[in-house]
PDB file of N, CA and C in Angstrom:
ATOM      1  N   MET A   1       0.847  -1.192   0.000  1.00  0.00           N
ATOM      2  CA  MET A   1       0.000   0.000   0.000  1.00  0.00           C
ATOM      3  C   MET A   1       0.881   1.240   0.000  1.00  0.00           C
ATOM      4  N   GLN A   2       0.498   2.238  -0.743  1.00  0.00           N
ATOM      5  CA  GLN A   2       1.261   3.470  -0.878  1.00  0.00           C
ATOM      6  C   GLN A   2       1.018   4.367   0.327  1.00  0.00           C
ATOM      7  N   ASP A   3       2.097   4.863   0.911  1.00  0.00           N
ATOM      8  CA  ASP A   3       2.002   5.781   2.037  1.00  0.00           C
ATOM      9  C   ASP A   3       1.593   7.155   1.517  1.00  0.00           C
ATOM     10  N   GLU A   4       0.534   7.724   2.083  1.00  0.00           N
ATOM     11  CA  GLU A   4       0.049   9.029   1.616  1.00  0.00           C
ATOM     12  C   GLU A   4       1.054  10.142   1.891  1.00  0.00           C
ATOM     13  N   ALA A   5       1.930   9.951   2.864  1.00  0.00           N
ATOM     14  CA  ALA A   5       2.941  10.961   3.161  1.00  0.00           C
ATOM     15  C   ALA A   5       4.046  10.954   2.107  1.00  0.00           C
ATOM     16  N   ASP A   6       4.127   9.888   1.331  1.00  0.00           N
ATOM     17  CA  ASP A   6       5.157   9.750   0.300  1.00  0.00           C
ATOM     18  C   ASP A   6       4.473   9.472  -1.040  1.00  0.00           C
ATOM     19  N   PRO A   7       3.911  10.507  -1.685  1.00  0.00           N
ATOM     20  CA  PRO A   7       3.167  10.286  -2.936  1.00  0.00           C
ATOM     21  C   PRO A   7       4.080   9.833  -4.070  1.00  0.00           C
ATOM     22  N   ARG A   8       3.493   9.103  -5.017  1.00  0.00           N
ATOM     23  CA  ARG A   8       4.249   8.624  -6.179  1.00  0.00           C
ATOM     24  C   ARG A   8       4.618   9.796  -7.075  1.00  0.00           C
ATOM     25  N   ARG A   9       5.743   9.663  -7.756  1.00  0.00           N
ATOM     26  CA  ARG A   9       6.187  10.699  -8.685  1.00  0.00           C
ATOM     27  C   ARG A   9       5.286  10.691  -9.914  1.00  0.00           C
ATOM     28  N   VAL A  10       5.038  11.880 -10.446  1.00  0.00           N
ATOM     29  CA  VAL A  10       4.163  12.039 -11.604  1.00  0.00           C
ATOM     30  C   VAL A  10       4.702  11.285 -12.810  1.00  0.00           C
ATOM     31  N   ASP A  11       6.006  11.326 -13.031  1.00  0.00           N
ATOM     32  CA  ASP A  11       6.563  10.633 -14.188  1.00  0.00           C
ATOM     33  C   ASP A  11       6.356   9.124 -14.107  1.00  0.00           C
ATOM     34  N   LEU A  12       6.401   8.563 -12.895  1.00  0.00           N
ATOM     35  CA  LEU A  12       6.157   7.125 -12.732  1.00  0.00           C
ATOM     36  C   LEU A  12       4.684   6.790 -12.969  1.00  0.00           C
ATOM     37  N   ILE A  13       3.807   7.669 -12.514  1.00  0.00           N
ATOM     38  CA  ILE A  13       2.373   7.458 -12.742  1.00  0.00           C
ATOM     39  C   ILE A  13       2.066   7.501 -14.237  1.00  0.00           C
ATOM     40  N   ILE A  14       2.632   8.482 -14.939  1.00  0.00           N
ATOM     41  CA  ILE A  14       2.406   8.591 -16.388  1.00  0.00           C
ATOM     42  C   ILE A  14       2.988   7.378 -17.106  1.00  0.00           C
ATOM     43  N   GLY A  15       4.162   6.926 -16.672  1.00  0.00           N
ATOM     44  CA  GLY A  15       4.766   5.734 -17.270  1.00  0.00           C
ATOM     45  C   GLY A  15       3.879   4.510 -17.098  1.00  0.00           C
ATOM     46  N   ASP A  16       3.323   4.339 -15.894  1.00  0.00           N
ATOM     47  CA  ASP A  16       2.408   3.217 -15.654  1.00  0.00           C
ATOM     48  C   ASP A  16       1.165   3.327 -16.519  1.00  0.00           C
ATOM     49  N   LEU A  17       0.634   4.526 -16.640  1.00  0.00           N
ATOM     50  CA  LEU A  17      -0.553   4.744 -17.466  1.00  0.00           C
ATOM     51  C   LEU A  17      -0.269   4.418 -18.934  1.00  0.00           C
ATOM     52  N   MET A  18       0.880   4.880 -19.440  1.00  0.00           N
ATOM     53  CA  MET A  18       1.243   4.607 -20.830  1.00  0.00           C
ATOM     54  C   MET A  18       1.415   3.104 -21.060  1.00  0.00           C
ATOM     55  N   ASN A  19       1.974   2.407 -20.064  1.00  0.00           N
ATOM     56  CA  ASN A  19       2.129   0.960 -20.170  1.00  0.00           C
ATOM     57  C   ASN A  19       0.771   0.270 -20.244  1.00  0.00           C
ATOM     58  N   GLU A  20      -0.151   0.671 -19.397  1.00  0.00           N
ATOM     59  CA  GLU A  20      -1.493   0.088 -19.419  1.00  0.00           C
ATOM     60  C   GLU A  20      -2.201   0.381 -20.744  1.00  0.00           C
ATOM     61  N   LEU A  21      -2.046   1.596 -21.252  1.00  0.00           N
ATOM     62  CA  LEU A  21      -2.642   1.937 -22.549  1.00  0.00           C
ATOM     63  C   LEU A  21      -2.048   1.092 -23.673  1.00  0.00           C
ATOM     64  N   ALA A  22      -0.757   0.800 -23.580  1.00  0.00           N
ATOM     65  CA  ALA A  22      -0.119  -0.038 -24.599  1.00  0.00           C
ATOM     66  C   ALA A  22      -0.713  -1.439 -24.591  1.00  0.00           C
ATOM     67  N   VAL A  23      -0.947  -1.990 -23.404  1.00  0.00           N
ATOM     68  CA  VAL A  23      -1.545  -3.329 -23.300  1.00  0.00           C
ATOM     69  C   VAL A  23      -2.950  -3.331 -23.883  1.00  0.00           C
ATOM     70  N   ILE A  24      -3.751  -2.339 -23.503  1.00  0.00           N
ATOM     71  CA  ILE A  24      -5.123  -2.251 -24.018  1.00  0.00           C
ATOM     72  C   ILE A  24      -5.102  -2.075 -25.532  1.00  0.00           C
ATOM     73  N   SER A  25      -4.215  -1.205 -26.002  1.00  0.00           N
ATOM     74  CA  SER A  25      -4.110  -0.945 -27.436  1.00  0.00           C
ATOM     75  C   SER A  25      -3.740  -2.215 -28.193  1.00  0.00           C
ATOM     76  N   HIS A  26      -2.800  -2.972 -27.646  1.00  0.00           N
ATOM     77  CA  HIS A  26      -2.378  -4.221 -28.294  1.00  0.00           C
ATOM     78  C   HIS A  26      -3.513  -5.243 -28.307  1.00  0.00           C
ATOM     79  N   MET A  27      -4.210  -5.347 -27.198  1.00  0.00           N
ATOM     80  CA  MET A  27      -5.292  -6.326 -27.086  1.00  0.00           C
ATOM     81  C   MET A  27      -6.438  -6.021 -28.042  1.00  0.00           C
ATOM     82  N   HIS A  28      -6.676  -4.755 -28.281  1.00  0.00           N
ATOM     83  CA  HIS A  28      -7.813  -4.361 -29.103  1.00  0.00           C
ATOM     84  C   HIS A  28      -7.392  -3.811 -30.465  1.00  0.00           C
ATOM     85  N   ASP A  29      -6.085  -3.943 -30.768  1.00  0.00           N
ATOM     86  CA  ASP A  29      -5.544  -3.488 -32.046  1.00  0.00           C
ATOM     87  C   ASP A  29      -5.988  -2.057 -32.360  1.00  0.00           C
ATOM     88  N   MET A  30      -5.771  -1.196 -31.385  1.00  0.00           N
ATOM     89  CA  MET A  30      -6.175   0.199 -31.530  1.00  0.00           C
ATOM     90  C   MET A  30      -4.930   1.083 -31.584  1.00  0.00           C
ATOM     91  N   ASP A  31      -5.066   2.242 -32.153  1.00  0.00           N
ATOM     92  CA  ASP A  31      -3.958   3.183 -32.236  1.00  0.00           C
ATOM     93  C   ASP A  31      -4.042   4.195 -31.090  1.00  0.00           C
ATOM     94  N   MET A  32      -4.436   3.706 -29.928  1.00  0.00           N
ATOM     95  CA  MET A  32      -4.617   4.558 -28.764  1.00  0.00           C
ATOM     96  C   MET A  32      -3.284   5.130 -28.271  1.00  0.00           C
ATOM     97  N   MET A  33      -2.217   4.342 -28.372  1.00  0.00           N
ATOM     98  CA  MET A  33      -0.925   4.809 -27.883  1.00  0.00           C
ATOM     99  C   MET A  33      -0.436   6.027 -28.662  1.00  0.00           C
ATOM    100  N   GLN A  34      -0.593   6.006 -29.969  1.00  0.00           N
ATOM    101  CA  GLN A  34      -0.143   7.145 -30.765  1.00  0.00           C
ATOM    102  C   GLN A  34      -0.955   8.384 -30.428  1.00  0.00           C
ATOM    103  N   ALA A  35      -2.256   8.221 -30.251  1.00  0.00           N
ATOM    104  CA  ALA A  35      -3.112   9.353 -29.882  1.00  0.00           C
ATOM    105  C   ALA A  35      -2.724   9.898 -28.510  1.00  0.00           C
ATOM    106  N   ALA A  36      -2.443   9.013 -27.565  1.00  0.00           N
ATOM    107  CA  ALA A  36      -2.043   9.453 -26.222  1.00  0.00           C
ATOM    108  C   ALA A  36      -0.702  10.186 -26.277  1.00  0.00           C
ATOM    109  N   TYR A  37       0.243   9.640 -27.026  1.00  0.00           N
ATOM    110  CA  TYR A  37       1.542  10.284 -27.157  1.00  0.00           C
ATOM    111  C   TYR A  37       1.406  11.658 -27.815  1.00  0.00           C
ATOM    112  N   ASN A  38       0.628  11.745 -28.872  1.00  0.00           N
ATOM    113  CA  ASN A  38       0.438  13.023 -29.567  1.00  0.00           C
ATOM    114  C   ASN A  38      -0.160  14.068 -28.643  1.00  0.00           C
ATOM    115  N   THR A  39      -1.145  13.675 -27.847  1.00  0.00           N
ATOM    116  CA  THR A  39      -1.774  14.602 -26.907  1.00  0.00           C
ATOM    117  C   THR A  39      -0.790  15.042 -25.842  1.00  0.00           C
ATOM    118  N   LEU A  40      -0.042  14.093 -25.284  1.00  0.00           N
ATOM    119  CA  LEU A  40       0.953  14.421 -24.265  1.00  0.00           C
ATOM    120  C   LEU A  40       2.014  15.365 -24.835  1.00  0.00           C
ATOM    121  N   ASP A  41       2.497  15.080 -26.038  1.00  0.00           N
ATOM    122  CA  ASP A  41       3.501  15.920 -26.682  1.00  0.00           C
ATOM    123  C   ASP A  41       2.973  17.333 -26.910  1.00  0.00           C
ATOM    124  N   LEU A  42       1.741  17.447 -27.378  1.00  0.00           N
ATOM    125  CA  LEU A  42       1.133  18.756 -27.620  1.00  0.00           C
ATOM    126  C   LEU A  42       1.028  19.559 -26.320  1.00  0.00           C
ATOM    127  N   ARG A  43       0.566  18.914 -25.266  1.00  0.00           N
ATOM    128  CA  ARG A  43       0.409  19.619 -23.982  1.00  0.00           C
ATOM    129  C   ARG A  43       1.761  20.056 -23.418  1.00  0.00           C
ATOM    130  N   LEU A  44       2.778  19.207 -23.546  1.00  0.00           N
ATOM    131  CA  LEU A  44       4.104  19.584 -23.053  1.00  0.00           C
ATOM    132  C   LEU A  44       4.659  20.763 -23.839  1.00  0.00           C
ATOM    133  N   ARG A  45       4.404  20.801 -25.144  1.00  0.00           N
ATOM    134  CA  ARG A  45       4.834  21.944 -25.962  1.00  0.00           C
ATOM    135  C   ARG A  45       4.105  23.222 -25.551  1.00  0.00           C
ATOM    136  N   GLU A  46       2.811  23.102 -25.250  1.00  0.00           N
ATOM    137  CA  GLU A  46       2.037  24.264 -24.804  1.00  0.00           C
ATOM    138  C   GLU A  46       2.559  24.786 -23.478  1.00  0.00           C
ATOM    139  N   ILE A  47       2.898  23.891 -22.570  1.00  0.00           N
ATOM    140  CA  ILE A  47       3.450  24.301 -21.277  1.00  0.00           C
ATOM    141  C   ILE A  47       4.789  24.989 -21.464  1.00  0.00           C
ATOM    142  N   ALA A  48       5.641  24.418 -22.310  1.00  0.00           N
ATOM    143  CA  ALA A  48       6.955  25.008 -22.571  1.00  0.00           C
ATOM    144  C   ALA A  48       6.825  26.399 -23.178  1.00  0.00           C
ATOM    145  N   ALA A  49       5.866  26.560 -24.085  1.00  0.00           N
ATOM    146  CA  ALA A  49       5.662  27.872 -24.720  1.00  0.00           C
ATOM    147  C   ALA A  49       5.167  28.889 -23.708  1.00  0.00           C
ATOM    148  N   THR A  50       4.334  28.441 -22.799  1.00  0.00           N
ATOM    149  CA  THR A  50       3.801  29.348 -21.759  1.00  0.00           C
ATOM    150  C   THR A  50       4.908  29.796 -20.818  1.00  0.00           C
ATOM    151  N   LEU A  51       5.823  28.894 -20.511  1.00  0.00           N
ATOM    152  CA  LEU A  51       6.908  29.211 -19.575  1.00  0.00           C
ATOM    153  C   LEU A  51       8.040  29.991 -20.236  1.00  0.00           C
ATOM    154  N   ALA A  52       8.085  29.988 -21.547  1.00  0.00           N
ATOM    155  CA  ALA A  52       9.187  30.672 -22.248  1.00  0.00           C
ATOM    156  C   ALA A  52       9.012  32.170 -22.255  1.00  0.00           C
TER     157      ALA A  52
END
């Protein structure tokens, strides 16, 4: 069980989520991973532009 005083790192949570999406995508032969990656990439670019 995860200790609430020691929350998981965001990058690890996203990595786990991407892994689960890859399994679902493979099982259902869907292009969900590419869509998820494209969305994540777009949002990171928007954040970078805002901070620049």
